[in-house]
PDB file of N, CA and C in Angstrom:
ATOM      1  N   UNK A   1      -8.928  75.611 -28.928  1.00  0.00           N
ATOM      2  CA  UNK A   1      -8.295  76.446 -27.936  1.00  0.00           C
ATOM      3  C   UNK A   1      -6.816  76.096 -27.901  1.00  0.00           C
ATOM      4  N   UNK A   2      -5.984  77.073 -27.567  1.00  0.00           N
ATOM      5  CA  UNK A   2      -4.569  76.797 -27.404  1.00  0.00           C
ATOM      6  C   UNK A   2      -3.980  77.718 -26.353  1.00  0.00           C
ATOM      7  N   UNK A   3      -2.831  77.296 -25.817  1.00  0.00           N
ATOM      8  CA  UNK A   3      -2.100  78.131 -24.863  1.00  0.00           C
ATOM      9  C   UNK A   3      -0.687  78.323 -25.374  1.00  0.00           C
ATOM     10  N   UNK A   4      -0.061  79.422 -24.960  1.00  0.00           N
ATOM     11  CA  UNK A   4       1.335  79.702 -25.285  1.00  0.00           C
ATOM     12  C   UNK A   4       2.041  80.066 -23.987  1.00  0.00           C
ATOM     13  N   UNK A   5       3.157  79.387 -23.736  1.00  0.00           N
ATOM     14  CA  UNK A   5       3.957  79.660 -22.542  1.00  0.00           C
ATOM     15  C   UNK A   5       5.403  79.824 -22.962  1.00  0.00           C
ATOM     16  N   UNK A   6       6.101  80.757 -22.340  1.00  0.00           N
ATOM     17  CA  UNK A   6       7.512  80.965 -22.620  1.00  0.00           C
ATOM     18  C   UNK A   6       8.328  80.435 -21.445  1.00  0.00           C
ATOM     19  N   UNK A   7       9.090  79.374 -21.692  1.00  0.00           N
ATOM     20  CA  UNK A   7       9.987  78.809 -20.696  1.00  0.00           C
ATOM     21  C   UNK A   7      11.371  79.412 -20.894  1.00  0.00           C
ATOM     22  N   UNK A   8      12.325  78.954 -20.095  1.00  0.00           N
ATOM     23  CA  UNK A   8      13.685  79.473 -20.168  1.00  0.00           C
ATOM     24  C   UNK A   8      14.293  79.321 -21.561  1.00  0.00           C
ATOM     25  N   UNK A   9      14.197  78.130 -22.150  1.00  0.00           N
ATOM     26  CA  UNK A   9      14.856  77.879 -23.433  1.00  0.00           C
ATOM     27  C   UNK A   9      13.897  77.482 -24.549  1.00  0.00           C
ATOM     28  N   UNK A  10      12.591  77.545 -24.294  1.00  0.00           N
ATOM     29  CA  UNK A  10      11.641  77.109 -25.318  1.00  0.00           C
ATOM     30  C   UNK A  10      10.319  77.858 -25.171  1.00  0.00           C
ATOM     31  N   UNK A  11       9.604  77.923 -26.275  1.00  0.00           N
ATOM     32  CA  UNK A  11       8.218  78.370 -26.259  1.00  0.00           C
ATOM     33  C   UNK A  11       7.365  77.119 -26.388  1.00  0.00           C
ATOM     34  N   UNK A  12       6.346  76.981 -25.540  1.00  0.00           N
ATOM     35  CA  UNK A  12       5.504  75.793 -25.519  1.00  0.00           C
ATOM     36  C   UNK A  12       4.091  76.195 -25.936  1.00  0.00           C
ATOM     37  N   UNK A  13       3.621  75.607 -27.044  1.00  0.00           N
ATOM     38  CA  UNK A  13       2.265  75.831 -27.532  1.00  0.00           C
ATOM     39  C   UNK A  13       1.492  74.536 -27.321  1.00  0.00           C
ATOM     40  N   UNK A  14       0.339  74.618 -26.684  1.00  0.00           N
ATOM     41  CA  UNK A  14      -0.497  73.444 -26.453  1.00  0.00           C
ATOM     42  C   UNK A  14      -1.818  73.632 -27.188  1.00  0.00           C
ATOM     43  N   UNK A  15      -2.119  72.703 -28.096  1.00  0.00           N
ATOM     44  CA  UNK A  15      -3.380  72.717 -28.828  1.00  0.00           C
ATOM     45  C   UNK A  15      -4.349  71.801 -28.102  1.00  0.00           C
ATOM     46  N   UNK A  16      -5.461  72.351 -27.649  1.00  0.00           N
ATOM     47  CA  UNK A  16      -6.423  71.602 -26.847  1.00  0.00           C
ATOM     48  C   UNK A  16      -7.634  71.284 -27.711  1.00  0.00           C
ATOM     49  N   UNK A  17      -7.965  70.015 -27.799  1.00  0.00           N
ATOM     50  CA  UNK A  17      -9.089  69.565 -28.620  1.00  0.00           C
ATOM     51  C   UNK A  17     -10.392  69.895 -27.906  1.00  0.00           C
ATOM     52  N   UNK A  18     -11.219  70.685 -28.558  1.00  0.00           N
ATOM     53  CA  UNK A  18     -12.538  71.002 -28.012  1.00  0.00           C
ATOM     54  C   UNK A  18     -13.586  70.544 -29.016  1.00  0.00           C
ATOM     55  N   UNK A  19     -14.653  70.002 -28.519  1.00  0.00           N
ATOM     56  CA  UNK A  19     -15.713  69.536 -29.406  1.00  0.00           C
ATOM     57  C   UNK A  19     -17.057  69.688 -28.708  1.00  0.00           C
ATOM     58  N   UNK A  20     -18.093  69.746 -29.482  1.00  0.00           N
ATOM     59  CA  UNK A  20     -19.429  69.832 -28.914  1.00  0.00           C
ATOM     60  C   UNK A  20     -19.840  68.502 -28.298  1.00  0.00           C
ATOM     61  N   UNK A  21     -20.850  68.510 -27.471  1.00  0.00           N
ATOM     62  CA  UNK A  21     -21.310  67.264 -26.845  1.00  0.00           C
ATOM     63  C   UNK A  21     -21.748  66.228 -27.883  1.00  0.00           C
ATOM     64  N   UNK A  22     -21.355  64.994 -27.684  1.00  0.00           N
ATOM     65  CA  UNK A  22     -21.758  63.844 -28.513  1.00  0.00           C
ATOM     66  C   UNK A  22     -21.372  63.966 -29.985  1.00  0.00           C
ATOM     67  N   UNK A  23     -20.317  64.722 -30.312  1.00  0.00           N
ATOM     68  CA  UNK A  23     -19.921  64.829 -31.711  1.00  0.00           C
ATOM     69  C   UNK A  23     -18.817  63.837 -32.068  1.00  0.00           C
ATOM     70  N   UNK A  24     -17.856  63.659 -31.184  1.00  0.00           N
ATOM     71  CA  UNK A  24     -16.772  62.704 -31.415  1.00  0.00           C
ATOM     72  C   UNK A  24     -15.935  62.626 -30.150  1.00  0.00           C
ATOM     73  N   UNK A  25     -15.126  61.591 -30.021  1.00  0.00           N
ATOM     74  CA  UNK A  25     -14.251  61.530 -28.837  1.00  0.00           C
ATOM     75  C   UNK A  25     -13.187  62.627 -28.906  1.00  0.00           C
ATOM     76  N   UNK A  26     -12.788  63.111 -27.758  1.00  0.00           N
ATOM     77  CA  UNK A  26     -11.710  64.095 -27.712  1.00  0.00           C
ATOM     78  C   UNK A  26     -10.376  63.428 -27.991  1.00  0.00           C
ATOM     79  N   UNK A  27      -9.513  64.122 -28.700  1.00  0.00           N
ATOM     80  CA  UNK A  27      -8.137  63.672 -28.902  1.00  0.00           C
ATOM     81  C   UNK A  27      -7.260  64.275 -27.810  1.00  0.00           C
ATOM     82  N   UNK A  28      -6.136  63.645 -27.567  1.00  0.00           N
ATOM     83  CA  UNK A  28      -5.186  64.172 -26.590  1.00  0.00           C
ATOM     84  C   UNK A  28      -4.643  65.516 -27.070  1.00  0.00           C
ATOM     85  N   UNK A  29      -4.215  66.355 -26.131  1.00  0.00           N
ATOM     86  CA  UNK A  29      -3.619  67.639 -26.474  1.00  0.00           C
ATOM     87  C   UNK A  29      -2.359  67.422 -27.298  1.00  0.00           C
ATOM     88  N   UNK A  30      -2.073  68.360 -28.187  1.00  0.00           N
ATOM     89  CA  UNK A  30      -0.832  68.366 -28.953  1.00  0.00           C
ATOM     90  C   UNK A  30       0.039  69.466 -28.356  1.00  0.00           C
ATOM     91  N   UNK A  31       1.267  69.103 -27.985  1.00  0.00           N
ATOM     92  CA  UNK A  31       2.197  70.060 -27.402  1.00  0.00           C
ATOM     93  C   UNK A  31       3.323  70.293 -28.398  1.00  0.00           C
ATOM     94  N   UNK A  32       3.590  71.573 -28.689  1.00  0.00           N
ATOM     95  CA  UNK A  32       4.641  71.956 -29.630  1.00  0.00           C
ATOM     96  C   UNK A  32       5.680  72.755 -28.863  1.00  0.00           C
ATOM     97  N   UNK A  33       6.909  72.241 -28.829  1.00  0.00           N
ATOM     98  CA  UNK A  33       8.003  72.915 -28.139  1.00  0.00           C
ATOM     99  C   UNK A  33       8.932  73.508 -29.191  1.00  0.00           C
ATOM    100  N   UNK A  34       9.136  74.803 -29.158  1.00  0.00           N
ATOM    101  CA  UNK A  34      10.010  75.443 -30.142  1.00  0.00           C
ATOM    102  C   UNK A  34      11.285  75.918 -29.463  1.00  0.00           C
ATOM    103  N   UNK A  35      12.411  75.529 -30.039  1.00  0.00           N
ATOM    104  CA  UNK A  35      13.727  75.925 -29.574  1.00  0.00           C
ATOM    105  C   UNK A  35      14.406  76.714 -30.696  1.00  0.00           C
ATOM    106  N   UNK A  36      15.615  77.193 -30.459  1.00  0.00           N
ATOM    107  CA  UNK A  36      16.350  77.934 -31.487  1.00  0.00           C
ATOM    108  C   UNK A  36      16.676  77.074 -32.701  1.00  0.00           C
ATOM    109  N   UNK A  37      16.912  75.775 -32.487  1.00  0.00           N
ATOM    110  CA  UNK A  37      17.412  74.916 -33.566  1.00  0.00           C
ATOM    111  C   UNK A  37      16.478  73.763 -33.950  1.00  0.00           C
ATOM    112  N   UNK A  38      15.321  73.629 -33.273  1.00  0.00           N
ATOM    113  CA  UNK A  38      14.434  72.511 -33.571  1.00  0.00           C
ATOM    114  C   UNK A  38      13.029  72.796 -33.037  1.00  0.00           C
ATOM    115  N   UNK A  39      12.077  72.000 -33.518  1.00  0.00           N
ATOM    116  CA  UNK A  39      10.697  72.053 -33.044  1.00  0.00           C
ATOM    117  C   UNK A  39      10.289  70.614 -32.729  1.00  0.00           C
ATOM    118  N   UNK A  40       9.704  70.402 -31.561  1.00  0.00           N
ATOM    119  CA  UNK A  40       9.272  69.077 -31.143  1.00  0.00           C
ATOM    120  C   UNK A  40       7.756  69.095 -31.007  1.00  0.00           C
ATOM    121  N   UNK A  41       7.103  68.087 -31.607  1.00  0.00           N
ATOM    122  CA  UNK A  41       5.652  67.934 -31.501  1.00  0.00           C
ATOM    123  C   UNK A  41       5.387  66.659 -30.706  1.00  0.00           C
ATOM    124  N   UNK A  42       4.581  66.784 -29.642  1.00  0.00           N
ATOM    125  CA  UNK A  42       4.289  65.642 -28.777  1.00  0.00           C
ATOM    126  C   UNK A  42       2.786  65.455 -28.634  1.00  0.00           C
ATOM    127  N   UNK A  43       2.387  64.187 -28.482  1.00  0.00           N
ATOM    128  CA  UNK A  43       0.999  63.871 -28.163  1.00  0.00           C
ATOM    129  C   UNK A  43       0.975  62.538 -27.411  1.00  0.00           C
ATOM    130  N   UNK A  44       0.206  62.491 -26.345  1.00  0.00           N
ATOM    131  CA  UNK A  44       0.038  61.253 -25.576  1.00  0.00           C
ATOM    132  C   UNK A  44      -0.759  60.257 -26.414  1.00  0.00           C
ATOM    133  N   UNK A  45      -0.379  58.990 -26.356  1.00  0.00           N
ATOM    134  CA  UNK A  45      -1.146  57.998 -27.123  1.00  0.00           C
ATOM    135  C   UNK A  45      -2.528  57.815 -26.499  1.00  0.00           C
ATOM    136  N   UNK A  46      -3.393  57.126 -27.204  1.00  0.00           N
ATOM    137  CA  UNK A  46      -4.794  56.988 -26.769  1.00  0.00           C
ATOM    138  C   UNK A  46      -4.922  56.307 -25.407  1.00  0.00           C
ATOM    139  N   UNK A  47      -3.978  55.419 -25.075  1.00  0.00           N
ATOM    140  CA  UNK A  47      -4.018  54.728 -23.785  1.00  0.00           C
ATOM    141  C   UNK A  47      -3.512  55.605 -22.641  1.00  0.00           C
ATOM    142  N   UNK A  48      -2.871  56.708 -22.976  1.00  0.00           N
ATOM    143  CA  UNK A  48      -2.322  57.585 -21.953  1.00  0.00           C
ATOM    144  C   UNK A  48      -1.081  57.045 -21.291  1.00  0.00           C
ATOM    145  N   UNK A  49      -0.397  56.110 -21.959  1.00  0.00           N
ATOM    146  CA  UNK A  49       0.772  55.468 -21.362  1.00  0.00           C
ATOM    147  C   UNK A  49       2.096  55.939 -21.949  1.00  0.00           C
ATOM    148  N   UNK A  50       2.078  56.503 -23.135  1.00  0.00           N
ATOM    149  CA  UNK A  50       3.323  56.819 -23.823  1.00  0.00           C
ATOM    150  C   UNK A  50       3.141  58.080 -24.667  1.00  0.00           C
ATOM    151  N   UNK A  51       4.194  58.903 -24.727  1.00  0.00           N
ATOM    152  CA  UNK A  51       4.157  60.121 -25.530  1.00  0.00           C
ATOM    153  C   UNK A  51       4.814  59.845 -26.876  1.00  0.00           C
ATOM    154  N   UNK A  52       4.100  60.165 -27.958  1.00  0.00           N
ATOM    155  CA  UNK A  52       4.688  60.105 -29.293  1.00  0.00           C
ATOM    156  C   UNK A  52       5.363  61.444 -29.536  1.00  0.00           C
ATOM    157  N   UNK A  53       6.595  61.423 -30.036  1.00  0.00           N
ATOM    158  CA  UNK A  53       7.367  62.653 -30.215  1.00  0.00           C
ATOM    159  C   UNK A  53       7.988  62.678 -31.601  1.00  0.00           C
ATOM    160  N   UNK A  54       7.862  63.819 -32.279  1.00  0.00           N
ATOM    161  CA  UNK A  54       8.496  64.041 -33.575  1.00  0.00           C
ATOM    162  C   UNK A  54       9.334  65.309 -33.456  1.00  0.00           C
ATOM    163  N   UNK A  55      10.609  65.220 -33.874  1.00  0.00           N
ATOM    164  CA  UNK A  55      11.503  66.373 -33.832  1.00  0.00           C
ATOM    165  C   UNK A  55      11.819  66.812 -35.249  1.00  0.00           C
ATOM    166  N   UNK A  56      11.612  68.105 -35.521  1.00  0.00           N
ATOM    167  CA  UNK A  56      11.915  68.703 -36.822  1.00  0.00           C
ATOM    168  C   UNK A  56      13.097  69.645 -36.680  1.00  0.00           C
ATOM    169  N   UNK A  57      14.031  69.603 -37.631  1.00  0.00           N
ATOM    170  CA  UNK A  57      15.023  70.666 -37.705  1.00  0.00           C
ATOM    171  C   UNK A  57      14.322  71.895 -38.271  1.00  0.00           C
ATOM    172  N   UNK A  58      14.956  73.034 -38.189  1.00  0.00           N
ATOM    173  CA  UNK A  58      14.335  74.241 -38.724  1.00  0.00           C
ATOM    174  C   UNK A  58      14.168  74.137 -40.245  1.00  0.00           C
ATOM    175  N   UNK A  59      15.095  73.459 -40.924  1.00  0.00           N
ATOM    176  CA  UNK A  59      14.983  73.265 -42.372  1.00  0.00           C
ATOM    177  C   UNK A  59      13.781  72.364 -42.695  1.00  0.00           C
ATOM    178  N   UNK A  60      13.618  71.286 -41.948  1.00  0.00           N
ATOM    179  CA  UNK A  60      12.465  70.405 -42.160  1.00  0.00           C
ATOM    180  C   UNK A  60      11.163  71.159 -41.916  1.00  0.00           C
ATOM    181  N   UNK A  61      11.141  72.003 -40.908  1.00  0.00           N
ATOM    182  CA  UNK A  61       9.948  72.782 -40.618  1.00  0.00           C
ATOM    183  C   UNK A  61       9.633  73.755 -41.756  1.00  0.00           C
ATOM    184  N   UNK A  62      10.655  74.362 -42.330  1.00  0.00           N
ATOM    185  CA  UNK A  62      10.455  75.254 -43.478  1.00  0.00           C
ATOM    186  C   UNK A  62       9.884  74.476 -44.666  1.00  0.00           C
ATOM    187  N   UNK A  63      10.400  73.271 -44.894  1.00  0.00           N
ATOM    188  CA  UNK A  63       9.871  72.443 -45.981  1.00  0.00           C
ATOM    189  C   UNK A  63       8.417  72.049 -45.717  1.00  0.00           C
ATOM    190  N   UNK A  64       8.090  71.706 -44.495  1.00  0.00           N
ATOM    191  CA  UNK A  64       6.715  71.367 -44.147  1.00  0.00           C
ATOM    192  C   UNK A  64       5.791  72.560 -44.382  1.00  0.00           C
ATOM    193  N   UNK A  65       6.228  73.731 -43.957  1.00  0.00           N
ATOM    194  CA  UNK A  65       5.426  74.941 -44.136  1.00  0.00           C
ATOM    195  C   UNK A  65       5.126  75.165 -45.616  1.00  0.00           C
ATOM    196  N   UNK A  66       6.132  74.993 -46.480  1.00  0.00           N
ATOM    197  CA  UNK A  66       5.926  75.142 -47.921  1.00  0.00           C
ATOM    198  C   UNK A  66       5.024  74.041 -48.469  1.00  0.00           C
ATOM    199  N   UNK A  67       5.237  72.816 -48.007  1.00  0.00           N
ATOM    200  CA  UNK A  67       4.488  71.667 -48.533  1.00  0.00           C
ATOM    201  C   UNK A  67       2.995  71.786 -48.280  1.00  0.00           C
ATOM    202  N   UNK A  68       2.617  72.451 -47.221  1.00  0.00           N
ATOM    203  CA  UNK A  68       1.193  72.575 -46.903  1.00  0.00           C
ATOM    204  C   UNK A  68       0.435  73.389 -47.949  1.00  0.00           C
ATOM    205  N   UNK A  69       1.155  74.169 -48.750  1.00  0.00           N
ATOM    206  CA  UNK A  69       0.506  75.044 -49.731  1.00  0.00           C
ATOM    207  C   UNK A  69       0.874  74.729 -51.178  1.00  0.00           C
ATOM    208  N   UNK A  70       1.515  73.601 -51.417  1.00  0.00           N
ATOM    209  CA  UNK A  70       1.933  73.249 -52.776  1.00  0.00           C
ATOM    210  C   UNK A  70       1.117  72.073 -53.302  1.00  0.00           C
ATOM    211  N   UNK A  71       0.967  71.994 -54.629  1.00  0.00           N
ATOM    212  CA  UNK A  71       0.272  70.841 -55.202  1.00  0.00           C
ATOM    213  C   UNK A  71       1.166  69.600 -55.153  1.00  0.00           C
ATOM    214  N   UNK A  72       0.603  68.465 -55.508  1.00  0.00           N
ATOM    215  CA  UNK A  72       1.333  67.197 -55.545  1.00  0.00           C
ATOM    216  C   UNK A  72       2.565  67.329 -56.429  1.00  0.00           C
ATOM    217  N   UNK A  73       3.670  66.717 -56.015  1.00  0.00           N
ATOM    218  CA  UNK A  73       4.894  66.755 -56.810  1.00  0.00           C
ATOM    219  C   UNK A  73       6.112  66.577 -55.939  1.00  0.00           C
ATOM    220  N   UNK A  74       7.298  66.659 -56.552  1.00  0.00           N
ATOM    221  CA  UNK A  74       8.580  66.576 -55.852  1.00  0.00           C
ATOM    222  C   UNK A  74       9.199  67.953 -55.830  1.00  0.00           C
ATOM    223  N   UNK A  75       9.730  68.342 -54.688  1.00  0.00           N
ATOM    224  CA  UNK A  75      10.287  69.675 -54.531  1.00  0.00           C
ATOM    225  C   UNK A  75      11.577  69.620 -53.725  1.00  0.00           C
ATOM    226  N   UNK A  76      12.437  70.606 -53.929  1.00  0.00           N
ATOM    227  CA  UNK A  76      13.643  70.768 -53.124  1.00  0.00           C
ATOM    228  C   UNK A  76      13.846  72.261 -52.912  1.00  0.00           C
ATOM    229  N   UNK A  77      14.027  72.652 -51.665  1.00  0.00           N
ATOM    230  CA  UNK A  77      14.386  74.048 -51.428  1.00  0.00           C
ATOM    231  C   UNK A  77      15.853  74.087 -51.079  1.00  0.00           C
ATOM    232  N   UNK A  78      16.521  75.077 -51.592  1.00  0.00           N
ATOM    233  CA  UNK A  78      17.954  75.214 -51.364  1.00  0.00           C
ATOM    234  C   UNK A  78      18.203  75.919 -50.039  1.00  0.00           C
ATOM    235  N   UNK A  79      19.156  75.412 -49.262  1.00  0.00           N
ATOM    236  CA  UNK A  79      19.543  76.062 -48.018  1.00  0.00           C
ATOM    237  C   UNK A  79      20.311  77.310 -48.348  1.00  0.00           C
ATOM    238  N   UNK A  80      20.095  78.359 -47.562  1.00  0.00           N
ATOM    239  CA  UNK A  80      20.883  79.585 -47.720  1.00  0.00           C
ATOM    240  C   UNK A  80      22.290  79.328 -47.183  1.00  0.00           C
ATOM    241  N   UNK A  81      23.282  79.838 -47.891  1.00  0.00           N
ATOM    242  CA  UNK A  81      24.676  79.634 -47.469  1.00  0.00           C
ATOM    243  C   UNK A  81      25.078  80.598 -46.405  1.00  0.00           C
TER     244      UNK A  81
END
């Protein structure tokens, strides 16, 4: 399950872990904040005491999107001028 909310300066997507009874422990929700110039992915640690945060530039996000569908190897995408 997921939710999408539009805030003043960001779109917030929350991925909610759902599982059947007795299949595995639930993971914390993953929150994705999208801005004009960056994307932030957050998740609370297992203890619930600290948020882990990763910030991607739009170029890094484009590279990640490509990497998910490419075979093993080294790649470089050229930035548009």
